[in-house]
Protein backbone atom coordinates (compact mmCIF):
# COMPACT_ATOMS: atom_id res chain seq x y z
CA UNK A 1 217.02 11.42 141.90
CA UNK A 2 217.23 12.78 145.27
CA UNK A 3 217.17 10.11 148.39
CA UNK A 4 214.11 10.87 150.45
CA UNK A 5 215.20 9.14 153.08
CA UNK A 6 219.00 10.89 152.54
CA UNK A 7 217.60 14.57 152.46
CA UNK A 8 215.56 14.36 155.47
CA UNK A 9 218.34 13.13 157.52
CA UNK A 10 220.50 15.58 156.06
CA UNK A 11 218.15 18.80 156.84
CA UNK A 12 217.71 17.32 160.55
CA UNK A 13 221.49 17.09 160.98
CA UNK A 14 222.29 20.26 159.71
CA UNK A 15 219.55 22.54 160.52
CA UNK A 16 217.55 20.82 163.54
CA UNK A 17 214.07 19.88 163.42
CA UNK A 18 211.66 21.87 160.68
CA UNK A 19 208.26 20.91 161.13
CA UNK A 20 207.11 17.51 160.16
CA UNK A 21 208.80 15.94 157.29
CA UNK A 22 206.07 14.13 154.94
CA UNK A 23 206.49 11.37 152.43
CA UNK A 24 202.84 12.41 151.21
CA UNK A 25 201.25 15.75 150.70
CA UNK A 26 197.46 14.34 151.39
CA UNK A 27 197.54 10.75 151.41
CA UNK A 28 196.71 9.58 147.72
CA UNK A 29 193.44 11.14 146.52
CA UNK A 30 192.56 13.84 149.42
CA UNK A 31 193.74 17.38 150.52
CA UNK A 32 193.68 17.93 154.22
CA UNK A 33 191.72 20.46 156.06
CA UNK A 34 193.84 22.58 158.00
CA UNK A 35 192.70 24.88 160.68
CA UNK A 36 191.63 28.19 159.77
CA UNK A 37 193.78 31.23 160.77
CA UNK A 38 192.82 34.00 161.82
CA UNK A 39 192.57 37.10 159.60
CA UNK A 40 194.94 39.01 161.31
CA UNK A 41 197.61 36.22 160.76
CA UNK A 42 199.99 36.38 158.16
CA UNK A 43 199.73 33.38 155.93
CA UNK A 44 201.19 29.77 156.75
CA UNK A 45 204.35 29.17 154.98
CA UNK A 46 205.20 25.60 153.52
CA UNK A 47 208.01 24.63 151.73
CA UNK A 48 207.84 21.57 148.97
CA UNK A 49 210.78 19.76 147.72
CA UNK A 50 210.09 17.52 144.61
CA UNK A 51 211.42 13.85 144.48
CA UNK A 52 211.61 14.09 140.89
CA UNK A 53 214.13 15.03 138.34
CA UNK A 54 211.97 14.93 135.43
CA UNK A 55 211.33 18.34 133.91
CA UNK A 56 207.66 17.69 132.94
CA UNK A 57 206.56 16.35 136.14
CA UNK A 58 208.00 19.61 137.90
CA UNK A 59 206.67 21.95 135.33
CA UNK A 60 203.50 20.15 135.93
CA UNK A 61 203.35 20.01 139.79
CA UNK A 62 204.16 23.61 139.30
CA UNK A 63 200.66 24.24 137.09
CA UNK A 64 198.53 21.80 138.97
CA UNK A 65 199.22 23.64 142.60
CA UNK A 66 198.98 27.06 140.40
CA UNK A 67 195.63 25.69 139.17
CA UNK A 68 193.93 23.66 141.97
CA UNK A 69 195.40 25.57 145.38
CA UNK A 70 194.18 28.63 146.97
CA UNK A 71 196.89 30.80 148.31
CA UNK A 72 194.87 33.36 150.08
CA UNK A 73 196.28 32.01 153.51
CA UNK A 74 199.14 30.05 152.97
CA UNK A 75 202.41 30.68 150.93
CA UNK A 76 204.91 28.18 149.21
CA UNK A 77 208.24 27.84 148.12
CA UNK A 78 208.67 24.75 146.06
CA UNK A 79 212.16 23.75 145.47
CA UNK A 80 213.04 21.15 142.55
CA UNK A 81 215.89 20.30 140.16
CA UNK A 82 216.12 18.79 136.72
CA UNK A 83 218.18 16.24 134.38
CA UNK A 84 219.98 17.80 131.69
CA UNK A 85 216.92 19.61 129.48
CA UNK A 86 216.39 22.98 128.22
CA UNK A 87 212.98 25.09 129.05
CA UNK A 88 211.50 27.96 126.89
CA UNK A 89 209.04 30.70 127.46
CA UNK A 90 206.09 30.19 126.45
CA UNK A 91 206.39 33.00 123.94
CA UNK A 92 209.74 31.65 122.32
CA UNK A 93 211.08 29.82 118.95
CA UNK A 94 212.87 26.49 120.24
CA UNK A 95 214.90 26.73 116.82
CA UNK A 96 216.32 29.96 118.17
CA UNK A 97 216.52 29.58 121.71
CA UNK A 98 217.73 26.07 121.84
CA UNK A 99 220.70 23.63 119.48
CA UNK A 100 217.62 21.49 118.39
CA UNK A 101 220.27 19.25 116.34
CA UNK A 102 223.14 18.63 119.25
CA UNK A 103 219.92 17.97 121.95
CA UNK A 104 218.42 15.51 119.70
CA UNK A 105 221.96 13.63 119.49
CA UNK A 106 222.42 13.68 123.05
CA UNK A 107 218.95 12.75 124.01
CA UNK A 108 218.28 16.01 126.21
CA UNK A 109 214.71 17.35 125.88
CA UNK A 110 213.14 20.51 125.13
CA UNK A 111 210.63 21.60 127.36
CA UNK A 112 208.11 24.83 127.00
CA UNK A 113 206.56 26.53 130.85
CA UNK A 114 203.69 27.75 131.20
CA UNK A 115 205.38 31.74 132.01
CA UNK A 116 207.41 33.96 129.98
CA UNK A 117 210.65 34.80 130.04
CA UNK A 118 213.63 33.37 128.57
CA UNK A 119 215.49 30.17 127.66
CA UNK A 120 217.21 28.12 130.41
CA UNK A 121 219.51 24.99 130.81
CA UNK A 122 219.00 22.91 133.96
CA UNK A 123 220.90 19.88 135.13
CA UNK A 124 221.50 18.38 138.72
CA UNK A 125 223.96 21.10 139.34
CA UNK A 126 220.80 23.37 139.00
CA UNK A 127 218.04 24.71 141.90
CA UNK A 128 215.07 25.81 140.84
CA UNK A 129 212.88 28.02 142.97
CA UNK A 130 208.89 28.50 142.73
CA UNK A 131 207.19 31.09 145.35
CA UNK A 132 203.43 30.81 145.30
CA UNK A 133 201.27 33.69 146.72
CA UNK A 134 197.95 35.29 146.28
CA UNK A 135 198.35 38.00 143.22
CA UNK A 136 197.90 40.38 145.97
CA UNK A 137 200.90 39.74 147.77
CA UNK A 138 203.56 38.91 144.61
CA UNK A 139 206.41 40.33 144.91
CA UNK A 140 209.35 39.23 143.37
CA UNK A 141 211.93 41.25 144.39
CA UNK A 142 211.16 40.63 148.23
CA UNK A 143 212.09 36.81 147.07
CA UNK A 144 214.96 37.54 145.31
CA UNK A 145 216.10 39.38 148.52
CA UNK A 146 215.52 36.13 150.37
CA UNK A 147 217.58 34.49 147.95
CA UNK A 148 220.74 37.34 148.06
CA UNK A 149 220.37 37.17 151.83
CA UNK A 150 220.72 33.47 152.03
CA UNK A 151 223.61 33.60 150.00
CA UNK A 152 225.14 36.23 151.48
CA UNK A 153 224.83 35.38 154.77
CA UNK A 154 224.82 31.92 154.48
CA UNK A 155 227.54 31.25 152.02
CA UNK A 156 229.49 34.42 151.95
CA UNK A 157 228.56 35.37 148.55
CA UNK A 158 227.76 38.81 147.59
CA UNK A 159 224.86 38.29 145.54
CA UNK A 160 222.51 40.69 144.56
CA UNK A 161 219.31 41.60 142.17
CA UNK A 162 219.62 43.84 139.19
CA UNK A 163 216.83 45.94 137.26
CA UNK A 164 216.13 42.77 135.18
CA UNK A 165 215.38 40.79 138.02
CA UNK A 166 218.57 38.84 137.63
CA UNK A 167 220.46 37.87 140.43
CA UNK A 168 224.51 38.95 139.41
CA UNK A 169 227.73 38.49 141.29
CA UNK A 170 231.24 39.81 140.33
CA UNK A 171 231.17 42.05 137.47
CA UNK A 172 227.24 41.52 136.25
CA UNK A 173 227.82 37.79 135.92
CA UNK A 174 224.38 35.97 136.24
CA UNK A 175 223.63 33.27 138.65
CA UNK A 176 219.67 32.98 138.33
CA UNK A 177 217.26 34.28 135.85
CA UNK A 178 213.81 35.09 136.78
CA UNK A 179 210.35 34.31 134.99
CA UNK A 180 206.46 34.53 136.77
CA UNK A 181 202.96 33.86 135.95
CA UNK A 182 200.09 36.20 137.56
CA UNK A 183 196.32 35.25 137.05
CA UNK A 184 193.68 36.35 138.57
CA UNK A 185 193.86 35.24 142.33
CA UNK A 186 197.16 33.40 142.32
CA UNK A 187 200.46 33.86 141.31
CA UNK A 188 204.02 32.25 140.97
CA UNK A 189 207.65 34.05 140.68
CA UNK A 190 209.95 30.82 139.84
CA UNK A 191 214.08 31.40 138.93
CA UNK A 192 217.15 29.35 138.51
CA UNK A 193 220.33 28.85 140.82
CA UNK A 194 223.54 28.30 138.79
CA UNK A 195 225.11 25.88 141.88
CA UNK A 196 227.31 23.43 140.01
CA UNK A 197 226.05 22.99 136.45
CA UNK A 198 228.07 22.13 133.42
CA UNK A 199 228.52 25.56 131.99
CA UNK A 200 230.08 23.80 128.18
CA UNK A 201 226.78 21.91 127.87
CA UNK A 202 224.98 25.02 129.16
CA UNK A 203 226.97 26.77 126.24
CA UNK A 204 226.27 24.27 123.51
CA UNK A 205 222.67 23.50 124.54
CA UNK A 206 221.65 27.09 124.30
CA UNK A 207 223.33 28.06 120.74
CA UNK A 208 220.17 28.10 118.81
CA UNK A 209 219.77 29.29 115.43
CA UNK A 210 220.12 33.06 115.42
CA UNK A 211 219.22 34.32 111.73
CA UNK A 212 215.51 33.06 112.22
CA UNK A 213 213.39 36.21 111.90
CA UNK A 214 210.90 36.21 114.42
CA UNK A 215 208.64 38.61 116.96
CA UNK A 216 209.11 35.38 119.73
CA UNK A 217 210.53 36.42 122.72
CA UNK A 218 214.31 36.52 122.61
CA UNK A 219 216.44 35.77 125.56
CA UNK A 220 218.89 38.23 126.48
CA UNK A 221 222.77 36.70 126.31
CA UNK A 222 224.91 37.41 129.30
CA UNK A 223 227.92 36.15 131.23
CA UNK A 224 227.20 33.56 134.13
CA UNK A 225 228.76 32.15 136.98
CA UNK A 226 228.69 28.99 139.17
CA UNK A 227 227.99 29.82 142.88
CA UNK A 228 230.35 26.56 143.68
CA UNK A 229 232.94 27.87 142.04
CA UNK A 230 232.41 31.01 144.48
CA UNK A 231 231.53 29.64 147.53
CA UNK A 232 233.86 26.14 147.47
CA UNK A 233 233.11 22.75 148.63
CA UNK A 234 230.57 24.07 151.36
CA UNK A 235 227.95 25.20 148.50
CA UNK A 236 226.19 22.29 147.18
CA UNK A 237 222.78 22.01 145.92
CA UNK A 238 221.57 20.31 148.72
CA UNK A 239 222.67 22.74 151.16
CA UNK A 240 221.71 25.66 149.25
CA UNK A 241 217.99 24.07 149.10
CA UNK A 242 218.09 23.59 152.78
CA UNK A 243 219.31 27.19 153.57
CA UNK A 244 216.69 28.74 151.65
CA UNK A 245 213.96 26.81 152.80
CA UNK A 246 214.85 27.67 156.53
CA UNK A 247 215.22 30.93 155.75
CA UNK A 248 211.73 31.44 154.11
CA UNK A 249 209.83 29.07 156.80
CA UNK A 250 211.07 31.39 159.50
CA UNK A 251 211.55 35.16 158.06
CA UNK A 252 208.98 37.52 159.52
CA UNK A 253 207.07 34.57 161.08
CA UNK A 254 207.05 34.81 164.92
CA UNK A 255 204.53 32.18 165.55
CA UNK A 256 206.12 28.75 164.81
CA UNK A 257 202.67 27.40 164.18
CA UNK A 258 202.98 29.21 160.92
CA UNK A 259 205.90 27.18 159.60
CA UNK A 260 204.62 24.19 158.47
CA UNK A 261 207.99 22.44 157.72
CA UNK A 262 209.81 20.74 154.50
CA UNK A 263 206.95 18.37 152.42
CA UNK A 264 208.94 16.02 150.52
CA UNK A 265 206.63 15.30 147.49
CA UNK A 266 206.11 12.91 144.55
CA UNK A 267 204.45 14.78 141.20
CA UNK A 268 202.56 11.86 139.90
CA UNK A 269 199.36 11.12 139.38
CA UNK A 270 198.69 9.16 142.29
CA UNK A 271 199.63 11.87 144.59
CA UNK A 272 198.15 14.80 142.69
CA UNK A 273 195.03 13.74 140.59
CA UNK A 274 194.95 15.12 137.85
CA UNK A 275 198.53 15.97 137.10
CA UNK A 276 198.92 13.31 134.93
CA UNK A 277 196.84 15.16 132.19
CA UNK A 278 199.06 17.88 132.53
CA UNK A 279 202.41 16.39 132.30
CA UNK A 280 200.81 14.88 128.70
CA UNK A 281 200.12 18.23 127.68
CA UNK A 282 203.27 19.50 128.29
CA UNK A 283 205.33 16.61 126.79
CA UNK A 284 202.89 17.24 123.46
CA UNK A 285 204.10 18.52 119.77
CA UNK A 286 201.16 20.55 120.30
CA UNK A 287 202.07 22.41 123.19
CA UNK A 288 206.22 22.33 122.59
CA UNK A 289 206.01 23.03 118.67
CA UNK A 290 202.45 24.00 118.32
CA UNK A 291 203.00 27.33 120.56
CA UNK A 292 205.76 28.49 118.59
CA UNK A 293 205.20 32.17 117.17
CA UNK A 294 205.27 33.08 113.48
CA UNK A 295 208.55 32.85 111.79
CA UNK A 296 210.10 33.06 108.58
CA UNK A 297 214.08 31.62 107.73
CA UNK A 298 215.91 32.17 104.51
CA UNK A 299 218.57 30.67 102.68
CA UNK A 300 220.73 30.44 99.60
CA UNK A 301 219.92 27.05 97.56
CA UNK A 302 222.21 26.40 94.54
CA UNK A 303 220.20 25.66 90.84
CA UNK A 304 221.28 23.50 88.40
CA UNK A 305 222.53 25.37 84.81
CA UNK A 306 218.87 24.68 83.58
CA UNK A 307 216.84 27.27 86.18
CA UNK A 308 220.37 29.45 87.05
CA UNK A 309 219.70 32.22 84.34
CA UNK A 310 221.76 35.07 85.58
CA UNK A 311 222.90 33.80 89.08
CA UNK A 312 223.71 30.04 90.02
CA UNK A 313 221.94 30.59 93.16
CA UNK A 314 218.03 31.73 94.77
CA UNK A 315 217.25 32.73 97.98
CA UNK A 316 214.65 30.78 99.47
CA UNK A 317 212.43 31.98 102.36
CA UNK A 318 209.92 29.65 104.39
CA UNK A 319 207.41 30.57 106.57
CA UNK A 320 205.90 29.03 109.71
CA UNK A 321 203.58 29.46 112.37
CA UNK A 322 202.92 27.32 115.29
CA UNK A 323 205.70 24.55 114.09
CA UNK A 324 203.74 24.02 110.69
CA UNK A 325 204.84 25.50 107.14
CA UNK A 326 202.91 28.17 105.80
CA UNK A 327 204.49 29.22 102.44
CA UNK A 328 207.75 28.85 100.85
CA UNK A 329 208.77 31.98 98.54
CA UNK A 330 211.36 32.84 96.19
CA UNK A 331 213.38 36.08 97.53
CA UNK A 332 211.48 39.47 96.70
CA UNK A 333 212.61 41.00 93.76
CA UNK A 334 214.36 37.93 92.28
CA UNK A 335 214.51 37.69 88.64
CA UNK A 336 213.78 34.13 87.84
CA UNK A 337 212.69 31.86 85.28
CA UNK A 338 209.05 30.61 84.76
CA UNK A 339 210.42 27.19 85.52
CA UNK A 340 211.87 28.19 88.52
CA UNK A 341 209.08 30.27 89.88
CA UNK A 342 206.41 27.14 89.08
CA UNK A 343 208.85 24.46 90.78
CA UNK A 344 208.84 26.85 94.05
CA UNK A 345 205.09 27.33 94.40
CA UNK A 346 204.90 23.20 93.35
CA UNK A 347 207.09 23.11 96.53
CA UNK A 348 205.13 25.45 98.66
CA UNK A 349 202.01 23.60 97.62
CA UNK A 350 203.49 20.11 98.80
CA UNK A 351 205.08 21.54 102.22
CA UNK A 352 202.27 23.71 103.02
CA UNK A 353 200.52 22.55 106.53
CA UNK A 354 203.78 20.04 106.98
CA UNK A 355 205.64 20.53 109.90
CA UNK A 356 208.84 22.45 110.16
CA UNK A 357 212.41 21.06 110.31
CA UNK A 358 216.15 22.03 110.69
CA UNK A 359 216.47 20.07 107.27
CA UNK A 360 213.59 21.70 105.31
CA UNK A 361 216.43 23.59 103.04
CA UNK A 362 218.06 20.43 102.00
CA UNK A 363 214.79 18.66 101.36
CA UNK A 364 214.19 22.13 99.12
CA UNK A 365 217.43 21.95 97.47
CA UNK A 366 216.85 18.09 96.43
CA UNK A 367 213.45 19.13 95.01
CA UNK A 368 215.37 21.93 92.77
CA UNK A 369 218.23 19.65 91.50
CA UNK A 370 216.13 16.52 91.00
CA UNK A 371 213.17 15.44 88.97
CA UNK A 372 211.79 13.05 91.94
CA UNK A 373 210.76 15.29 94.98
CA UNK A 374 212.21 13.82 98.42
CA UNK A 375 210.33 14.65 101.18
CA UNK A 376 210.90 14.47 105.28
CA UNK A 377 208.08 14.94 108.15
CA UNK A 378 210.04 14.16 111.48
CA UNK A 379 209.64 16.57 114.09
CA UNK A 380 211.82 19.80 114.69
CA UNK A 381 212.39 17.99 118.51
């Protein structure tokens, strides 16, 4: 976790006073009533810096701010980082995007965010940026240009935004991915910045099961790079955070009164009433697994001699929706004995409505080979 006192001191020492650095956003229960700007004034700008490295707390704060604040008269940049985790898009399948067995063994959580887009790996070497605006002012290209300008001018890194709204360096090596959420009146655009991320862990964490067939949003694979490998020892998460915050507060602003400075926040229910419920929902099986679009997966299962017929194996297909098994069936067109057909039908009936697990085909194989079925109902995350 970032030290509030240390970060505050470093910001002032490296960049000078940037406005009030708060330890509380608005006390414990109530929001301040800032003076209302004139209609001709641009929106006030504020930078929030999270003191949490818990992915669910930070995602909950994003959602809380999006739902509870008006951005008609203000724009906010939220800067945050997480302990190791995988974050998938709202419409993605965690089994396809993440290496679930590896993550479970390593104790690394999978989170589903509220925006679309692809899967990303976060750790302490990764900085996340969320730009909140009124919907009418939403402009992700402007946000990406701000980041690229900071990288170019402050760190000497030639970065650019491509046609997919990724930030790339060198030979199109990706250092940032983008996602967004647009509502009726408010919008946010968030992106990652790989500074000193463990690329080996990133590669392992995002090795999902690509044999699964689904209409879920699929991540687009691309080569990645760390900004720290290009910018040298001067490129750290802390320095990049401070530089991005300073630029956000001062660009396009003629009146310093419109830049409210850095605000260090603690994303908890005590600070933001109602945030705890959002965080609990984000942690729930109903959200992480229950929002998984329909998918099918097929595997070859060995058959005992009494069921083999003309083949020593059979292709079995499992169909699941929202993380729950809908059907188990034999491959279309397979000529199977009546006993095997009936057995697979019985297996389908018993598994229907149970959570899908990566070990389901081992379970099915055991049921086919053994007289007494074995069944595991462990959550797949």
